[in-house]
């Protein structure tokens, strides 16, 4: 609730419903959960979640990184988890998430034993998003291994020369982990590039570990990073196919 760019963001109304409600309701349209929980250290969010009947996991208020909170929640969720079981972090500022994105995060972990973690990514088609420091860009190699995440415009192009051929992608706030890989994240020391870019995934990269990209087809979408994003999202949600389902 104390987000520096948007205080009170999780409960900010988006077309009359709190941001966190859109995120949770859309996430539970994914049909294959063994458990879906709202992890928080904030009493207002807890009270709202309880009013909606969401399962709540209370977490420490000392976490700097979302993945540290998710790791704590996974350990205390009440499920008997194996170290190879899949844990998903669905961030509470993605009111336009789609169940297909969750499926995309899960599938590489189901199909490839060597994959420890995934990051959902979608194409950037607007230069304004490409140059927006609130939006994390992601680059990867030919095998899909994530090479770097940054708030800078990546790959580079001169102003006014942005095209779809550049292949720019942005992180969408859904991350998949095997539990043992998530535990590893919490054991690693916070890193320079993690702090510089303010991005959890760079901790893994700095220590020599890789996540894999989970590419999703493009959907018009905005995360809620600052108050100006609310109107953009409200306009898109007005014609959104999933809103009628929750």
C-alpha atoms as a PDB file:
ATOM      1  CA  UNK A   1       0.000   0.000   0.000  1.00  0.00           C
ATOM      2  CA  UNK A   2       3.011   2.261   0.498  1.00  0.00           C
ATOM      3  CA  UNK A   3       4.231   2.121  -3.116  1.00  0.00           C
ATOM      4  CA  UNK A   4       6.323   5.232  -3.731  1.00  0.00           C
ATOM      5  CA  UNK A   5       4.955   5.874  -7.237  1.00  0.00           C
ATOM      6  CA  UNK A   6       1.325   5.142  -6.341  1.00  0.00           C
ATOM      7  CA  UNK A   7       0.415   5.029  -2.627  1.00  0.00           C
ATOM      8  CA  UNK A   8      -2.600   2.804  -1.984  1.00  0.00           C
ATOM      9  CA  UNK A   9      -2.227   1.162  -5.394  1.00  0.00           C
ATOM     10  CA  UNK A  10      -3.531  -2.380  -4.584  1.00  0.00           C
ATOM     11  CA  UNK A  11      -6.943  -1.033  -3.549  1.00  0.00           C
ATOM     12  CA  UNK A  12      -7.141   1.737  -6.172  1.00  0.00           C
ATOM     13  CA  UNK A  13     -10.452   1.473  -8.050  1.00  0.00           C
ATOM     14  CA  UNK A  14     -10.291   0.277 -11.653  1.00  0.00           C
ATOM     15  CA  UNK A  15     -13.747   0.620 -13.214  1.00  0.00           C
ATOM     16  CA  UNK A  16     -15.231   0.475  -9.746  1.00  0.00           C
ATOM     17  CA  UNK A  17     -13.331  -2.557  -8.459  1.00  0.00           C
ATOM     18  CA  UNK A  18     -10.017  -2.585  -6.581  1.00  0.00           C
ATOM     19  CA  UNK A  19      -6.917  -3.379  -8.596  1.00  0.00           C
ATOM     20  CA  UNK A  20      -6.151  -6.439  -6.487  1.00  0.00           C
ATOM     21  CA  UNK A  21      -9.638  -7.826  -7.157  1.00  0.00           C
ATOM     22  CA  UNK A  22      -9.120  -7.710 -10.914  1.00  0.00           C
ATOM     23  CA  UNK A  23      -5.786  -9.498 -10.527  1.00  0.00           C
ATOM     24  CA  UNK A  24      -7.031 -12.247  -8.204  1.00  0.00           C
ATOM     25  CA  UNK A  25     -10.263 -12.888 -10.086  1.00  0.00           C
ATOM     26  CA  UNK A  26      -8.512 -13.107 -13.433  1.00  0.00           C
ATOM     27  CA  UNK A  27      -5.797 -15.357 -12.015  1.00  0.00           C
ATOM     28  CA  UNK A  28      -8.314 -17.849 -10.700  1.00  0.00           C
ATOM     29  CA  UNK A  29      -9.795 -18.260 -14.158  1.00  0.00           C
ATOM     30  CA  UNK A  30      -6.733 -20.452 -14.758  1.00  0.00           C
ATOM     31  CA  UNK A  31      -8.199 -23.922 -14.175  1.00  0.00           C
ATOM     32  CA  UNK A  32      -5.249 -25.877 -12.786  1.00  0.00           C
ATOM     33  CA  UNK A  33      -4.442 -24.337  -9.412  1.00  0.00           C
ATOM     34  CA  UNK A  34      -3.812 -26.601  -6.439  1.00  0.00           C
ATOM     35  CA  UNK A  35      -3.953 -23.434  -4.360  1.00  0.00           C
ATOM     36  CA  UNK A  36      -4.245 -19.721  -5.098  1.00  0.00           C
ATOM     37  CA  UNK A  37      -3.482 -17.344  -2.242  1.00  0.00           C
ATOM     38  CA  UNK A  38      -3.290 -13.623  -1.600  1.00  0.00           C
ATOM     39  CA  UNK A  39       0.051 -12.955   0.131  1.00  0.00           C
ATOM     40  CA  UNK A  40       0.286  -9.654   1.981  1.00  0.00           C
ATOM     41  CA  UNK A  41       1.725  -7.826   4.970  1.00  0.00           C
ATOM     42  CA  UNK A  42      -0.934  -5.089   4.861  1.00  0.00           C
ATOM     43  CA  UNK A  43      -4.037  -5.119   7.075  1.00  0.00           C
ATOM     44  CA  UNK A  44      -6.218  -3.243   4.567  1.00  0.00           C
ATOM     45  CA  UNK A  45      -5.420  -5.753   1.837  1.00  0.00           C
ATOM     46  CA  UNK A  46      -5.957  -8.628   4.253  1.00  0.00           C
ATOM     47  CA  UNK A  47      -9.358  -7.255   5.277  1.00  0.00           C
ATOM     48  CA  UNK A  48     -10.393  -6.760   1.667  1.00  0.00           C
ATOM     49  CA  UNK A  49      -9.251 -10.257   0.726  1.00  0.00           C
ATOM     50  CA  UNK A  50     -11.175 -11.793   3.592  1.00  0.00           C
ATOM     51  CA  UNK A  51     -14.304  -9.865   2.568  1.00  0.00           C
ATOM     52  CA  UNK A  52     -14.051 -11.551  -0.847  1.00  0.00           C
ATOM     53  CA  UNK A  53     -13.310 -14.985   0.568  1.00  0.00           C
ATOM     54  CA  UNK A  54      -9.742 -15.105  -0.773  1.00  0.00           C
ATOM     55  CA  UNK A  55      -7.324 -17.406   1.071  1.00  0.00           C
ATOM     56  CA  UNK A  56      -4.818 -15.097   2.789  1.00  0.00           C
ATOM     57  CA  UNK A  57      -1.192 -15.776   3.714  1.00  0.00           C
ATOM     58  CA  UNK A  58       0.214 -13.175   6.092  1.00  0.00           C
ATOM     59  CA  UNK A  59       3.872 -12.422   5.349  1.00  0.00           C
ATOM     60  CA  UNK A  60       6.658 -10.380   6.884  1.00  0.00           C
ATOM     61  CA  UNK A  61       6.716  -6.617   6.297  1.00  0.00           C
ATOM     62  CA  UNK A  62      10.506  -6.647   5.884  1.00  0.00           C
ATOM     63  CA  UNK A  63      10.644  -8.042   2.354  1.00  0.00           C
ATOM     64  CA  UNK A  64      12.197  -5.779  -0.252  1.00  0.00           C
ATOM     65  CA  UNK A  65      11.600  -8.160  -3.176  1.00  0.00           C
ATOM     66  CA  UNK A  66       8.345  -9.749  -4.254  1.00  0.00           C
ATOM     67  CA  UNK A  67      10.021 -13.125  -4.727  1.00  0.00           C
ATOM     68  CA  UNK A  68      11.140 -13.206  -1.101  1.00  0.00           C
ATOM     69  CA  UNK A  69       7.492 -12.694  -0.094  1.00  0.00           C
ATOM     70  CA  UNK A  70       6.341 -15.411  -2.493  1.00  0.00           C
ATOM     71  CA  UNK A  71       8.941 -17.805  -1.092  1.00  0.00           C
ATOM     72  CA  UNK A  72       7.715 -17.191   2.447  1.00  0.00           C
ATOM     73  CA  UNK A  73       4.122 -17.678   1.333  1.00  0.00           C
ATOM     74  CA  UNK A  74       4.994 -20.944  -0.415  1.00  0.00           C
ATOM     75  CA  UNK A  75       6.527 -22.324   2.772  1.00  0.00           C
ATOM     76  CA  UNK A  76       3.413 -21.391   4.769  1.00  0.00           C
ATOM     77  CA  UNK A  77       0.623 -22.157   2.304  1.00  0.00           C
ATOM     78  CA  UNK A  78      -0.445 -25.370   3.995  1.00  0.00           C
ATOM     79  CA  UNK A  79       0.186 -27.564   0.954  1.00  0.00           C
ATOM     80  CA  UNK A  80       2.659 -30.453   1.100  1.00  0.00           C
ATOM     81  CA  UNK A  81       5.026 -29.179  -1.564  1.00  0.00           C
ATOM     82  CA  UNK A  82       7.866 -31.141  -3.122  1.00  0.00           C
ATOM     83  CA  UNK A  83      11.011 -29.205  -4.037  1.00  0.00           C
ATOM     84  CA  UNK A  84      10.203 -29.725  -7.730  1.00  0.00           C
ATOM     85  CA  UNK A  85       6.630 -28.477  -7.451  1.00  0.00           C
ATOM     86  CA  UNK A  86       5.743 -25.282  -9.297  1.00  0.00           C
ATOM     87  CA  UNK A  87       5.143 -22.021  -7.475  1.00  0.00           C
ATOM     88  CA  UNK A  88       3.793 -19.015  -9.378  1.00  0.00           C
ATOM     89  CA  UNK A  89       4.166 -15.357  -8.556  1.00  0.00           C
ATOM     90  CA  UNK A  90       1.241 -13.446 -10.080  1.00  0.00           C
ATOM     91  CA  UNK A  91       1.831  -9.802  -9.288  1.00  0.00           C
ATOM     92  CA  UNK A  92      -0.974  -7.640  -7.998  1.00  0.00           C
ATOM     93  CA  UNK A  93      -0.472  -4.808 -10.479  1.00  0.00           C
ATOM     94  CA  UNK A  94      -1.467  -6.711 -13.645  1.00  0.00           C
ATOM     95  CA  UNK A  95      -5.243  -6.163 -13.992  1.00  0.00           C
ATOM     96  CA  UNK A  96      -5.184  -7.318 -17.610  1.00  0.00           C
ATOM     97  CA  UNK A  97      -3.551 -10.690 -17.049  1.00  0.00           C
ATOM     98  CA  UNK A  98      -5.016 -13.629 -18.951  1.00  0.00           C
ATOM     99  CA  UNK A  99      -5.116 -17.312 -17.941  1.00  0.00           C
ATOM    100  CA  UNK A 100      -3.142 -18.123 -21.097  1.00  0.00           C
ATOM    101  CA  UNK A 101      -0.236 -16.177 -19.609  1.00  0.00           C
ATOM    102  CA  UNK A 102      -0.253 -18.362 -16.510  1.00  0.00           C
ATOM    103  CA  UNK A 103      -0.345 -21.432 -18.743  1.00  0.00           C
ATOM    104  CA  UNK A 104       2.656 -20.077 -20.650  1.00  0.00           C
ATOM    105  CA  UNK A 105       4.629 -19.691 -17.412  1.00  0.00           C
ATOM    106  CA  UNK A 106       3.830 -23.247 -16.340  1.00  0.00           C
ATOM    107  CA  UNK A 107       4.375 -25.219 -19.534  1.00  0.00           C
ATOM    108  CA  UNK A 108       8.199 -24.987 -19.801  1.00  0.00           C
ATOM    109  CA  UNK A 109       8.454 -26.173 -16.191  1.00  0.00           C
ATOM    110  CA  UNK A 110       6.218 -29.154 -16.943  1.00  0.00           C
ATOM    111  CA  UNK A 111       8.041 -30.094 -20.143  1.00  0.00           C
ATOM    112  CA  UNK A 112      11.695 -29.447 -19.261  1.00  0.00           C
ATOM    113  CA  UNK A 113      13.287 -30.808 -16.102  1.00  0.00           C
ATOM    114  CA  UNK A 114      16.262 -28.452 -16.412  1.00  0.00           C
ATOM    115  CA  UNK A 115      14.067 -25.331 -16.292  1.00  0.00           C
ATOM    116  CA  UNK A 116      14.029 -23.780 -12.836  1.00  0.00           C
ATOM    117  CA  UNK A 117      12.152 -20.588 -13.549  1.00  0.00           C
ATOM    118  CA  UNK A 118      10.192 -18.708 -16.203  1.00  0.00           C
ATOM    119  CA  UNK A 119       9.265 -15.090 -16.908  1.00  0.00           C
ATOM    120  CA  UNK A 120       6.220 -14.186 -18.976  1.00  0.00           C
ATOM    121  CA  UNK A 121       7.037 -11.671 -21.692  1.00  0.00           C
ATOM    122  CA  UNK A 122       5.036  -9.923 -24.394  1.00  0.00           C
ATOM    123  CA  UNK A 123       6.081  -7.867 -27.393  1.00  0.00           C
ATOM    124  CA  UNK A 124       6.363  -4.105 -27.156  1.00  0.00           C
ATOM    125  CA  UNK A 125       4.638  -2.433 -30.080  1.00  0.00           C
ATOM    126  CA  UNK A 126       4.633   1.180 -28.861  1.00  0.00           C
ATOM    127  CA  UNK A 127       7.777   3.295 -28.586  1.00  0.00           C
ATOM    128  CA  UNK A 128       6.317   5.024 -25.528  1.00  0.00           C
ATOM    129  CA  UNK A 129       6.344   1.722 -23.630  1.00  0.00           C
ATOM    130  CA  UNK A 130       9.787   0.880 -24.964  1.00  0.00           C
ATOM    131  CA  UNK A 131      11.187   4.096 -23.494  1.00  0.00           C
ATOM    132  CA  UNK A 132       9.159   4.062 -20.257  1.00  0.00           C
ATOM    133  CA  UNK A 133      11.463   3.333 -17.270  1.00  0.00           C
ATOM    134  CA  UNK A 134       8.491   1.965 -15.319  1.00  0.00           C
ATOM    135  CA  UNK A 135       8.348  -0.928 -17.786  1.00  0.00           C
ATOM    136  CA  UNK A 136      10.966  -3.655 -17.456  1.00  0.00           C
ATOM    137  CA  UNK A 137      12.433  -4.806 -20.723  1.00  0.00           C
ATOM    138  CA  UNK A 138      13.842  -8.307 -21.181  1.00  0.00           C
ATOM    139  CA  UNK A 139      16.346  -9.827 -23.591  1.00  0.00           C
ATOM    140  CA  UNK A 140      17.164 -13.498 -24.058  1.00  0.00           C
ATOM    141  CA  UNK A 141      19.335 -15.809 -26.109  1.00  0.00           C
ATOM    142  CA  UNK A 142      18.313 -18.186 -28.910  1.00  0.00           C
ATOM    143  CA  UNK A 143      17.505 -20.921 -26.388  1.00  0.00           C
ATOM    144  CA  UNK A 144      15.183 -18.652 -24.428  1.00  0.00           C
ATOM    145  CA  UNK A 145      17.538 -18.102 -21.502  1.00  0.00           C
ATOM    146  CA  UNK A 146      17.067 -14.654 -20.013  1.00  0.00           C
ATOM    147  CA  UNK A 147      20.207 -12.552 -20.423  1.00  0.00           C
ATOM    148  CA  UNK A 148      19.163  -9.320 -18.743  1.00  0.00           C
ATOM    149  CA  UNK A 149      16.219  -7.250 -17.553  1.00  0.00           C
ATOM    150  CA  UNK A 150      16.371  -3.475 -17.559  1.00  0.00           C
ATOM    151  CA  UNK A 151      14.359  -0.295 -17.268  1.00  0.00           C
ATOM    152  CA  UNK A 152      16.409   1.108 -20.144  1.00  0.00           C
ATOM    153  CA  UNK A 153      15.222   0.716 -23.752  1.00  0.00           C
ATOM    154  CA  UNK A 154      16.534  -2.672 -24.946  1.00  0.00           C
ATOM    155  CA  UNK A 155      17.608  -3.615 -27.554  1.00  0.00           C
ATOM    156  CA  UNK A 156      18.929  -0.164 -28.396  1.00  0.00           C
ATOM    157  CA  UNK A 157      17.571   2.069 -31.127  1.00  0.00           C
ATOM    158  CA  UNK A 158      17.760   5.801 -31.752  1.00  0.00           C
ATOM    159  CA  UNK A 159      14.719   7.946 -30.873  1.00  0.00           C
ATOM    160  CA  UNK A 160      12.136   7.776 -33.631  1.00  0.00           C
ATOM    161  CA  UNK A 161      13.606   4.596 -35.156  1.00  0.00           C
ATOM    162  CA  UNK A 162      11.590   2.079 -33.124  1.00  0.00           C
ATOM    163  CA  UNK A 163      10.016  -0.696 -35.196  1.00  0.00           C
ATOM    164  CA  UNK A 164       8.526  -4.106 -34.442  1.00  0.00           C
ATOM    165  CA  UNK A 165      11.554  -5.646 -36.172  1.00  0.00           C
ATOM    166  CA  UNK A 166      13.608  -4.571 -33.155  1.00  0.00           C
ATOM    167  CA  UNK A 167      11.991  -7.421 -31.242  1.00  0.00           C
ATOM    168  CA  UNK A 168      11.663  -5.513 -27.966  1.00  0.00           C
ATOM    169  CA  UNK A 169       9.842  -7.361 -25.188  1.00  0.00           C
ATOM    170  CA  UNK A 170       8.622  -6.435 -21.743  1.00  0.00           C
ATOM    171  CA  UNK A 171       8.155  -8.437 -18.603  1.00  0.00           C
ATOM    172  CA  UNK A 172       4.575  -9.240 -17.696  1.00  0.00           C
ATOM    173  CA  UNK A 173       4.258  -9.788 -13.957  1.00  0.00           C
ATOM    174  CA  UNK A 174       3.883 -13.578 -13.895  1.00  0.00           C
ATOM    175  CA  UNK A 175       6.848 -15.717 -12.846  1.00  0.00           C
ATOM    176  CA  UNK A 176       7.084 -19.497 -12.540  1.00  0.00           C
ATOM    177  CA  UNK A 177       9.491 -21.345 -10.252  1.00  0.00           C
ATOM    178  CA  UNK A 178      10.286 -24.798  -9.074  1.00  0.00           C
ATOM    179  CA  UNK A 179      10.199 -24.492  -5.305  1.00  0.00           C
ATOM    180  CA  UNK A 180      13.875 -25.391  -5.001  1.00  0.00           C
ATOM    181  CA  UNK A 181      14.823 -22.607  -7.433  1.00  0.00           C
ATOM    182  CA  UNK A 182      12.698 -20.113  -5.524  1.00  0.00           C
ATOM    183  CA  UNK A 183      14.398 -21.180  -2.293  1.00  0.00           C
ATOM    184  CA  UNK A 184      17.754 -20.659  -4.008  1.00  0.00           C
ATOM    185  CA  UNK A 185      16.757 -17.085  -4.850  1.00  0.00           C
ATOM    186  CA  UNK A 186      16.194 -16.312  -1.169  1.00  0.00           C
ATOM    187  CA  UNK A 187      19.583 -17.772  -0.247  1.00  0.00           C
ATOM    188  CA  UNK A 188      21.497 -15.602  -2.715  1.00  0.00           C
ATOM    189  CA  UNK A 189      22.778 -12.212  -1.622  1.00  0.00           C
ATOM    190  CA  UNK A 190      21.025  -9.182  -3.161  1.00  0.00           C
ATOM    191  CA  UNK A 191      23.103  -8.129  -6.150  1.00  0.00           C
ATOM    192  CA  UNK A 192      24.302  -4.950  -7.795  1.00  0.00           C
ATOM    193  CA  UNK A 193      22.216  -5.245 -10.962  1.00  0.00           C
ATOM    194  CA  UNK A 194      19.152  -6.293  -8.967  1.00  0.00           C
ATOM    195  CA  UNK A 195      19.411  -3.087  -6.974  1.00  0.00           C
ATOM    196  CA  UNK A 196      20.377  -0.898  -9.935  1.00  0.00           C
ATOM    197  CA  UNK A 197      17.451  -2.018 -12.110  1.00  0.00           C
ATOM    198  CA  UNK A 198      15.122  -2.702  -9.162  1.00  0.00           C
ATOM    199  CA  UNK A 199      14.347  -6.133 -10.580  1.00  0.00           C
ATOM    200  CA  UNK A 200      14.363  -9.441  -8.693  1.00  0.00           C
ATOM    201  CA  UNK A 201      15.445 -11.532 -11.677  1.00  0.00           C
ATOM    202  CA  UNK A 202      18.805  -9.817 -11.976  1.00  0.00           C
ATOM    203  CA  UNK A 203      19.805 -11.362  -8.630  1.00  0.00           C
ATOM    204  CA  UNK A 204      19.703 -14.758 -10.285  1.00  0.00           C
ATOM    205  CA  UNK A 205      21.586 -13.516 -13.346  1.00  0.00           C
ATOM    206  CA  UNK A 206      24.277 -11.843 -11.243  1.00  0.00           C
ATOM    207  CA  UNK A 207      24.901 -15.161  -9.488  1.00  0.00           C
ATOM    208  CA  UNK A 208      25.078 -17.183 -12.705  1.00  0.00           C
ATOM    209  CA  UNK A 209      21.577 -18.689 -12.789  1.00  0.00           C
ATOM    210  CA  UNK A 210      19.012 -18.443 -15.568  1.00  0.00           C
ATOM    211  CA  UNK A 211      15.287 -18.122 -15.946  1.00  0.00           C
ATOM    212  CA  UNK A 212      13.637 -18.864 -19.267  1.00  0.00           C
ATOM    213  CA  UNK A 213      11.330 -16.632 -21.237  1.00  0.00           C
ATOM    214  CA  UNK A 214       7.680 -17.636 -21.529  1.00  0.00           C
ATOM    215  CA  UNK A 215       6.575 -15.782 -24.633  1.00  0.00           C
ATOM    216  CA  UNK A 216       2.888 -14.868 -24.908  1.00  0.00           C
ATOM    217  CA  UNK A 217       1.025 -13.518 -27.890  1.00  0.00           C
ATOM    218  CA  UNK A 218       0.569  -9.780 -27.828  1.00  0.00           C
ATOM    219  CA  UNK A 219      -2.497  -8.424 -26.066  1.00  0.00           C
ATOM    220  CA  UNK A 220      -3.131  -4.704 -25.550  1.00  0.00           C
ATOM    221  CA  UNK A 221      -2.178  -4.351 -21.906  1.00  0.00           C
ATOM    222  CA  UNK A 222      -0.861  -1.985 -19.270  1.00  0.00           C
ATOM    223  CA  UNK A 223       0.426  -2.669 -15.804  1.00  0.00           C
ATOM    224  CA  UNK A 224      -0.531  -0.246 -13.058  1.00  0.00           C
ATOM    225  CA  UNK A 225       2.716   1.495 -12.153  1.00  0.00           C
ATOM    226  CA  UNK A 226       1.472   5.038 -11.527  1.00  0.00           C
ATOM    227  CA  UNK A 227      -1.888   6.867 -11.351  1.00  0.00           C
ATOM    228  CA  UNK A 228      -1.729   7.788 -15.044  1.00  0.00           C
ATOM    229  CA  UNK A 229      -2.025   4.093 -15.956  1.00  0.00           C
ATOM    230  CA  UNK A 230      -5.503   3.768 -14.450  1.00  0.00           C
ATOM    231  CA  UNK A 231      -7.361   5.507 -17.278  1.00  0.00           C
ATOM    232  CA  UNK A 232      -5.486   3.477 -19.919  1.00  0.00           C
ATOM    233  CA  UNK A 233      -6.462   0.233 -18.222  1.00  0.00           C
ATOM    234  CA  UNK A 234     -10.066   1.323 -17.635  1.00  0.00           C
ATOM    235  CA  UNK A 235     -10.484   2.068 -21.330  1.00  0.00           C
ATOM    236  CA  UNK A 236      -9.159  -1.348 -22.342  1.00  0.00           C
ATOM    237  CA  UNK A 237     -11.140  -3.228 -19.699  1.00  0.00           C
ATOM    238  CA  UNK A 238     -14.353  -1.657 -20.960  1.00  0.00           C
ATOM    239  CA  UNK A 239     -14.221  -4.111 -23.879  1.00  0.00           C
ATOM    240  CA  UNK A 240     -12.270  -6.910 -22.213  1.00  0.00           C
ATOM    241  CA  UNK A 241     -13.490 -10.473 -22.793  1.00  0.00           C
ATOM    242  CA  UNK A 242     -12.763 -11.685 -19.262  1.00  0.00           C
ATOM    243  CA  UNK A 243     -14.448  -8.980 -17.188  1.00  0.00           C
ATOM    244  CA  UNK A 244     -17.865 -10.594 -17.640  1.00  0.00           C
ATOM    245  CA  UNK A 245     -16.509 -13.793 -16.078  1.00  0.00           C
ATOM    246  CA  UNK A 246     -15.880 -12.327 -12.632  1.00  0.00           C
END
